[in-house]
Protein backbone atom coordinates (compact mmCIF):
# COMPACT_ATOMS: atom_id res chain seq x y z
CA MET A 1 26.82 -56.98 -110.14
CA ARG A 2 25.09 -56.42 -106.88
CA ASN A 3 21.48 -55.26 -107.03
CA ILE A 4 21.56 -51.70 -105.57
CA SER A 5 18.05 -50.56 -106.75
CA LYS A 6 16.63 -51.38 -103.37
CA TYR A 7 18.95 -48.69 -101.90
CA ILE A 8 18.60 -46.14 -104.69
CA ILE A 9 14.77 -45.84 -104.53
CA PRO A 10 14.53 -45.12 -100.77
CA GLY A 11 17.40 -42.69 -101.10
CA LEU A 12 15.66 -40.74 -103.83
CA PHE A 13 12.51 -40.62 -101.70
CA LEU A 14 14.43 -39.12 -98.76
CA ILE A 15 16.00 -36.46 -101.01
CA LEU A 16 12.59 -35.45 -102.42
CA LEU A 17 11.11 -35.35 -98.91
CA SER A 18 13.88 -32.98 -97.76
CA PHE A 19 13.10 -30.57 -100.64
CA SER A 20 9.43 -30.72 -99.79
CA SER A 21 10.10 -29.94 -96.12
CA CYS A 22 12.14 -26.89 -97.08
CA ASP A 23 9.25 -25.61 -99.20
CA LEU A 24 6.81 -26.15 -96.33
CA LEU A 25 9.08 -24.26 -93.94
CA ARG A 26 9.32 -21.36 -96.35
CA THR A 27 5.53 -21.25 -96.70
CA ALA A 28 5.03 -21.13 -92.91
CA GLU A 29 7.64 -18.40 -92.61
CA GLN A 30 5.87 -16.38 -95.29
CA ASP A 31 2.45 -16.86 -93.66
CA ALA A 32 3.82 -15.53 -90.38
CA SER A 33 4.70 -12.24 -92.05
CA PRO A 34 2.11 -9.54 -92.79
CA ILE A 35 0.60 -9.97 -96.23
CA VAL A 36 -0.33 -6.28 -96.37
CA GLU A 37 2.22 -3.52 -96.42
CA PRO A 38 1.14 0.02 -95.41
CA ASN A 39 0.41 1.91 -98.61
CA ASP A 40 -2.31 4.01 -100.20
CA THR A 41 -4.08 1.07 -101.81
CA TYR A 42 -5.65 -0.19 -98.56
CA PRO A 43 -8.51 1.60 -96.76
CA LEU A 44 -7.99 3.75 -93.71
CA ILE A 45 -10.47 4.58 -90.96
CA GLU A 46 -11.55 8.10 -91.76
CA SER A 47 -13.63 8.71 -88.61
CA PHE A 48 -15.46 7.07 -85.70
CA THR A 49 -17.96 9.54 -84.27
CA VAL A 50 -21.24 9.92 -82.35
CA ASP A 51 -24.11 11.45 -84.29
CA ASN A 52 -25.81 12.78 -81.11
CA GLY A 53 -22.91 14.89 -79.88
CA SER A 54 -20.84 14.52 -76.75
CA THR A 55 -23.75 14.58 -74.25
CA VAL A 56 -26.96 12.55 -74.21
CA ILE A 57 -29.76 12.09 -71.69
CA GLU A 58 -30.67 8.79 -70.05
CA GLY A 59 -33.16 7.09 -72.33
CA ASP A 60 -31.59 8.41 -75.55
CA THR A 61 -30.30 6.14 -78.28
CA VAL A 62 -26.67 6.93 -79.08
CA VAL A 63 -25.81 6.50 -82.77
CA TYR A 64 -22.17 5.79 -83.69
CA THR A 65 -20.89 6.11 -87.27
CA LEU A 66 -17.70 4.56 -88.63
CA LYS A 67 -16.39 5.78 -92.00
CA MET A 68 -13.65 4.35 -94.19
CA ASN A 69 -11.84 6.44 -96.80
CA LYS A 70 -12.53 3.95 -99.62
CA PRO A 71 -14.61 0.81 -100.27
CA ILE A 72 -13.35 -2.72 -100.81
CA ASP A 73 -14.94 -5.83 -102.27
CA ARG A 74 -15.36 -7.57 -98.89
CA SER A 75 -17.24 -6.85 -95.68
CA LEU A 76 -15.56 -5.61 -92.51
CA THR A 77 -16.83 -6.28 -88.97
CA PHE A 78 -15.73 -4.01 -86.12
CA THR A 79 -16.45 -5.15 -82.56
CA PRO A 80 -17.27 -2.46 -79.94
CA VAL A 81 -15.20 -2.48 -76.76
CA VAL A 82 -16.29 -0.52 -73.66
CA THR A 83 -13.21 1.07 -72.13
CA GLU A 84 -15.02 3.12 -69.49
CA ALA A 85 -18.57 3.14 -68.10
CA THR A 86 -18.21 4.69 -64.59
CA THR A 87 -21.31 3.39 -62.77
CA LEU A 88 -23.15 2.38 -65.93
CA VAL A 89 -23.88 -1.35 -66.11
CA GLU A 90 -24.30 -3.01 -69.49
CA GLY A 91 -27.62 -4.80 -69.65
CA GLU A 92 -29.14 -2.52 -67.01
CA ASP A 93 -28.20 1.06 -67.93
CA PHE A 94 -27.31 0.49 -71.58
CA ASP A 95 -27.18 -2.10 -74.33
CA ILE A 96 -24.98 -2.14 -77.44
CA GLU A 97 -26.46 -3.19 -80.77
CA GLY A 98 -23.21 -4.18 -82.41
CA PRO A 99 -20.92 -4.96 -84.05
CA ILE A 100 -20.51 -2.43 -86.86
CA THR A 101 -20.54 -4.09 -90.25
CA ILE A 102 -19.45 -2.31 -93.42
CA SER A 103 -20.78 -4.15 -96.44
CA PRO A 104 -18.73 -4.72 -99.60
CA TRP A 105 -18.32 -1.57 -101.69
CA GLU A 106 -19.66 0.56 -98.83
CA THR A 107 -17.67 3.03 -96.75
CA GLU A 108 -19.94 3.55 -93.73
CA GLY A 109 -21.44 1.52 -90.91
CA LYS A 110 -23.56 2.42 -87.87
CA MET A 111 -24.04 1.08 -84.36
CA MET A 112 -26.72 1.86 -81.76
CA VAL A 113 -26.25 2.09 -78.01
CA TYR A 114 -29.53 2.19 -76.08
CA THR A 115 -29.44 3.96 -72.71
CA TYR A 116 -32.19 3.57 -70.13
CA SER A 117 -33.64 6.16 -67.76
CA ASP A 118 -34.58 5.43 -64.17
CA VAL A 119 -36.33 7.23 -61.35
CA THR A 120 -33.16 7.80 -59.32
CA PRO A 121 -31.53 11.24 -59.39
CA GLU A 122 -27.88 10.70 -60.31
CA GLU A 123 -24.73 12.48 -61.42
CA SER A 124 -23.73 12.38 -65.08
CA LYS A 125 -21.83 9.29 -66.18
CA THR A 126 -19.21 8.58 -68.84
CA LEU A 127 -19.41 5.92 -71.53
CA ALA A 128 -16.26 5.35 -73.63
CA ILE A 129 -16.21 2.93 -76.57
CA THR A 130 -13.54 1.92 -79.06
CA LEU A 131 -13.47 -0.69 -81.84
CA GLU A 132 -11.40 -3.71 -82.75
CA LEU A 133 -11.13 -6.21 -85.59
CA ASN A 134 -11.20 -9.75 -84.24
CA SER A 135 -10.77 -11.57 -87.55
CA LEU A 136 -7.15 -12.06 -88.64
CA ALA A 137 -8.28 -12.14 -92.27
CA GLU A 138 -10.07 -8.81 -91.92
CA LYS A 139 -7.03 -7.25 -90.26
CA TYR A 140 -5.15 -7.90 -93.51
CA LEU A 141 -7.87 -6.13 -95.53
CA ILE A 142 -7.20 -2.66 -94.13
CA ASN A 143 -4.08 -0.61 -93.64
CA PRO A 144 -2.16 -1.93 -90.60
CA GLU A 145 -1.44 1.64 -89.54
CA ASN A 146 -5.10 2.22 -88.68
CA VAL A 147 -5.67 3.53 -85.17
CA PHE A 148 -9.03 2.94 -83.47
CA ASN A 149 -9.91 6.08 -81.56
CA THR A 150 -12.05 6.04 -78.41
CA VAL A 151 -15.32 7.97 -78.43
CA THR A 152 -16.51 9.31 -75.07
CA VAL A 153 -20.12 10.25 -74.38
CA THR A 154 -21.52 11.88 -71.24
CA VAL A 155 -24.82 10.32 -70.16
CA ALA A 156 -26.70 12.93 -68.14
CA ASN A 157 -29.45 12.22 -65.61
CA TYR A 158 -32.98 12.20 -67.02
CA LYS A 159 -35.31 14.58 -65.20
CA SER A 160 -38.96 14.42 -66.05
CA ALA A 161 -41.25 17.41 -65.71
CA ASN A 162 -44.23 15.07 -65.43
CA LEU A 163 -45.98 14.25 -62.19
CA ILE A 164 -46.67 10.55 -61.72
CA LEU A 165 -49.35 9.39 -59.30
CA GLU A 166 -49.34 5.66 -58.60
CA PHE A 167 -52.21 4.18 -56.58
CA SER A 168 -51.88 0.80 -54.88
CA TRP A 169 -53.92 -1.31 -52.44
CA ASP A 170 -51.94 -4.51 -52.13
CA LYS A 171 -53.36 -6.00 -48.94
CA ASP A 172 -53.69 -9.69 -48.04
CA ILE A 173 -57.28 -10.69 -47.32
CA ASP A 174 -57.68 -13.85 -45.25
CA LEU A 175 -60.88 -15.71 -46.11
CA GLY A 176 -60.19 -18.54 -43.69
CA GLU A 177 -60.63 -21.93 -45.32
CA GLU A 178 -61.04 -20.22 -48.70
CA GLY A 179 -57.44 -19.05 -48.55
CA VAL A 180 -55.53 -15.77 -48.55
CA TYR A 181 -55.88 -13.44 -51.53
CA SER A 182 -54.34 -10.14 -52.55
CA ALA A 183 -56.66 -7.15 -52.70
CA GLY A 184 -54.64 -5.89 -55.66
CA ASP A 185 -55.88 -8.88 -57.69
CA TYR A 186 -59.52 -8.91 -56.60
CA VAL A 187 -60.48 -5.32 -55.85
CA ASP A 188 -60.83 -2.65 -58.52
CA PHE A 189 -60.34 0.93 -57.40
CA ASP A 190 -60.33 3.78 -59.93
CA ALA A 191 -58.58 7.10 -59.28
CA ILE A 192 -60.32 10.13 -60.74
CA ILE A 193 -59.39 13.83 -60.90
CA SER A 194 -61.89 16.62 -60.27
CA THR A 195 -61.53 20.37 -60.00
CA ALA A 196 -61.35 21.50 -56.38
CA GLU A 197 -63.73 24.33 -57.11
CA GLY A 198 -67.26 23.02 -56.65
CA PHE A 199 -66.08 19.58 -55.61
CA ASP A 200 -68.53 17.60 -53.48
CA ILE A 201 -67.59 14.12 -52.23
CA ASN A 202 -71.30 13.29 -52.32
CA ASP A 203 -71.38 14.06 -56.05
CA PRO A 204 -67.76 13.75 -57.25
CA TRP A 205 -68.48 12.97 -60.89
CA ALA A 206 -70.03 16.41 -61.36
CA THR A 207 -66.57 18.03 -61.48
CA ASP A 208 -64.35 15.30 -62.92
CA VAL A 209 -61.98 16.51 -65.65
CA GLY A 210 -62.28 13.49 -67.93
CA ILE A 211 -58.90 11.87 -67.28
CA TYR A 212 -59.50 8.14 -66.82
CA ASP A 213 -55.92 6.86 -67.07
CA ALA A 214 -56.28 5.26 -63.64
CA ALA A 215 -59.56 3.49 -64.39
CA THR A 216 -58.21 0.50 -66.30
CA GLY A 217 -58.77 -2.43 -63.95
CA ASN A 218 -55.04 -2.76 -63.35
CA HIS A 219 -53.11 -2.71 -60.10
CA PRO A 220 -51.51 -0.39 -59.43
CA GLU A 221 -53.36 2.34 -61.31
CA VAL A 222 -51.26 5.23 -62.65
CA ILE A 223 -51.90 8.81 -63.72
CA GLU A 224 -49.12 10.77 -65.41
CA LEU A 225 -49.64 14.52 -65.75
CA ALA A 226 -47.44 16.64 -68.00
CA PRO A 227 -47.29 20.43 -67.67
CA GLY A 228 -50.18 21.80 -69.71
CA ASP A 229 -52.39 18.71 -69.40
CA LEU A 230 -54.55 20.61 -66.93
CA GLU A 231 -55.04 24.33 -66.45
CA ASP A 232 -53.44 26.03 -63.48
CA GLY A 233 -55.49 25.55 -60.36
CA GLU A 234 -56.34 23.08 -57.61
CA TYR A 235 -57.61 19.56 -58.13
CA ILE A 236 -58.90 16.70 -56.00
CA VAL A 237 -57.88 13.10 -56.68
CA TRP A 238 -60.44 10.65 -55.36
CA PHE A 239 -61.20 6.95 -55.59
CA ASP A 240 -64.23 5.13 -56.90
CA LEU A 241 -64.71 1.52 -55.83
CA TRP A 242 -65.78 -0.24 -59.03
CA SER A 243 -65.77 -3.88 -57.95
CA ASN A 244 -64.81 -6.04 -54.98
CA ALA A 245 -64.71 -9.83 -55.20
CA PHE A 246 -64.45 -10.11 -51.39
CA ALA A 247 -67.86 -8.52 -50.78
CA GLY A 248 -70.28 -10.93 -49.10
CA TYR A 249 -67.66 -13.01 -47.33
CA GLY A 250 -68.13 -11.06 -44.11
CA VAL A 251 -64.44 -10.15 -43.81
CA THR A 252 -64.00 -6.53 -42.72
CA THR A 253 -60.26 -6.14 -43.23
CA GLU A 254 -59.51 -2.56 -44.28
CA ILE A 255 -58.05 -1.96 -47.76
CA PRO A 256 -56.28 1.41 -47.76
CA VAL A 257 -55.28 3.07 -51.05
CA THR A 258 -51.77 4.58 -50.97
CA THR A 259 -50.71 7.30 -53.39
CA HIS A 260 -47.09 7.39 -54.55
CA ALA A 261 -46.33 10.81 -56.06
CA TYR A 262 -43.00 11.29 -57.80
CA GLN A 263 -41.09 12.81 -60.70
CA ILE A 264 -38.54 10.64 -62.49
CA GLY A 265 -34.93 11.65 -61.90
CA THR A 266 -35.72 14.23 -59.20
CA ASP A 267 -35.81 14.29 -55.41
CA PHE A 268 -39.60 14.66 -55.42
CA ASP A 269 -40.86 11.33 -54.10
CA GLU A 270 -43.74 11.19 -51.63
CA MET A 271 -45.99 8.46 -50.20
CA ILE A 272 -49.44 9.75 -49.25
CA ALA A 273 -51.86 7.87 -47.02
CA GLN A 274 -55.56 8.31 -47.54
CA ASP A 275 -57.92 9.56 -44.88
CA PRO A 276 -58.42 6.72 -42.35
CA SER A 277 -62.13 7.47 -42.15
CA ALA A 278 -62.50 6.89 -45.90
CA ILE A 279 -60.84 3.47 -46.04
CA ILE A 280 -63.02 0.75 -47.57
CA ASN A 281 -63.21 -2.65 -45.91
CA ALA A 282 -63.17 -5.98 -47.72
CA ASP A 283 -66.92 -6.58 -47.36
CA VAL A 284 -68.03 -3.42 -49.19
CA PRO A 285 -69.36 -4.11 -52.71
CA GLY A 286 -68.32 -1.96 -55.63
CA ALA A 287 -70.57 0.04 -57.93
CA ASP A 288 -70.45 -2.75 -60.54
CA ASP A 289 -71.21 -5.56 -58.06
CA ASP A 290 -74.63 -7.01 -57.35
CA GLY A 291 -76.22 -4.86 -54.68
CA GLY A 292 -73.29 -2.45 -54.95
CA TYR A 293 -73.29 1.31 -54.54
CA ALA A 294 -70.97 4.26 -55.01
CA SER A 295 -68.10 4.34 -52.53
CA ASN A 296 -65.79 7.31 -52.88
CA GLY A 297 -63.10 8.99 -50.84
CA ILE A 298 -60.39 11.59 -51.32
CA LEU A 299 -56.82 10.43 -51.92
CA CYS A 300 -54.84 13.64 -52.36
CA LYS A 301 -54.88 17.19 -53.64
CA ILE A 302 -52.88 18.71 -56.50
CA LYS A 303 -52.03 22.34 -57.12
CA ILE A 304 -50.71 23.26 -60.56
CA GLU A 305 -48.78 26.44 -61.29
CA GLY A 306 -47.24 26.29 -64.76
CA SER A 307 -44.78 23.37 -64.66
CA LYS A 308 -44.89 23.17 -60.86
CA PHE A 309 -46.97 20.51 -59.10
CA THR A 310 -47.76 20.62 -55.40
CA VAL A 311 -49.31 17.51 -53.88
CA SER A 312 -50.89 17.41 -50.45
CA ASP A 313 -52.81 14.85 -48.45
CA TYR A 314 -56.40 14.62 -47.31
CA LYS A 315 -55.88 17.06 -44.42
CA ASP A 316 -56.03 19.99 -46.82
CA VAL A 317 -59.58 19.18 -47.88
CA LEU A 318 -62.86 18.05 -46.41
CA VAL A 319 -62.77 14.28 -46.57
CA GLY A 320 -65.59 11.82 -46.38
CA THR A 321 -66.84 8.53 -47.78
CA THR A 322 -70.14 8.24 -49.56
CA LYS A 323 -72.12 5.03 -49.63
CA SER A 324 -75.25 5.72 -51.61
CA SER A 325 -77.32 3.87 -54.15
CA LYS A 326 -78.05 7.13 -55.91
CA VAL A 327 -75.82 10.03 -56.89
CA LYS A 328 -76.74 13.24 -58.68
CA THR A 329 -74.22 12.76 -61.47
CA PRO A 330 -73.84 9.20 -62.83
CA ARG A 331 -70.51 7.62 -63.50
CA PRO A 332 -69.55 7.84 -67.19
CA ASN A 333 -69.13 4.68 -69.25
CA ILE A 334 -65.38 4.07 -68.89
CA PHE A 335 -63.78 1.33 -70.98
CA LYS A 336 -61.97 -1.19 -68.80
CA GLU A 337 -58.78 -2.73 -70.17
CA VAL A 338 -58.84 -5.37 -67.44
CA ARG A 339 -61.61 -6.88 -65.37
CA ILE A 340 -60.74 -8.47 -62.07
CA ALA A 341 -61.30 -12.16 -61.52
CA GLY A 342 -64.08 -13.45 -59.32
CA LEU A 343 -63.64 -15.73 -56.36
CA THR A 344 -65.05 -19.25 -56.33
CA ARG A 345 -67.41 -19.63 -53.43
């Protein structure tokens, strides 16, 4: 008899392999089909809403809430998708703190969208956001008939009622071989507010109102006045030269202080030059310098009527510069957040 075992064994192997291939094909076909059929046992999205309402103001945080109709034993992650933003730019005008995650056995998740205000007056803008599930596994955990609605929020322009006064003196001072330095880094001006009634540039501290927000040692210095911070009336804003690292170098370059008056989100935006006769030059020492003295001059004038601010320049008031080793009313002890650096001689 001929030995046929060498043919039988490979043949059996091929038959078994064909059965195995059929099983693999069936498994792939089954995996390609949805493993979840729409029925009442799988959760549905109950709502996707904004807690703040349909309109927010620039600078507000928008809170979104997603609710499911029932919990499951696994987490779900929903990715936010911006479908409309008009002129809003993500990363500049808003940021999304997402995605929304619903933990196991929970039915609710939240997401924050941070909007940012700016000084530019603008028309209202629209921000529209929907959600999506990126994970294929998670898509099979909820009812396939779920529909992700789009939530639209109107972002309105932020308008501040506050008056902001920003004082700057960024001027290059050329010390020859020593180099060129910025006055903003080495000169310390303070901006002080006094009542106009009884104001005397030769004794300005006698009527100051005690607001030292612009006496920090920073550049620029800033005062922000909200309605009600000061009583109705007229006020003088003046400078006090506290220190000047350029004094003694013999350089007489003028260092003017410019006042930028504005309200965020409105058309009120004015640049105010100080009185030319009151401009300090780079060789004048400040009150805190060795051999220094009080040097003061008027920057602008403010009139307050309720929530209305009127700002005018030096021409509305008598302007002068005082250089005196003695004044009737001494400067109060004002804490300095920053002290300017000295120059190496």
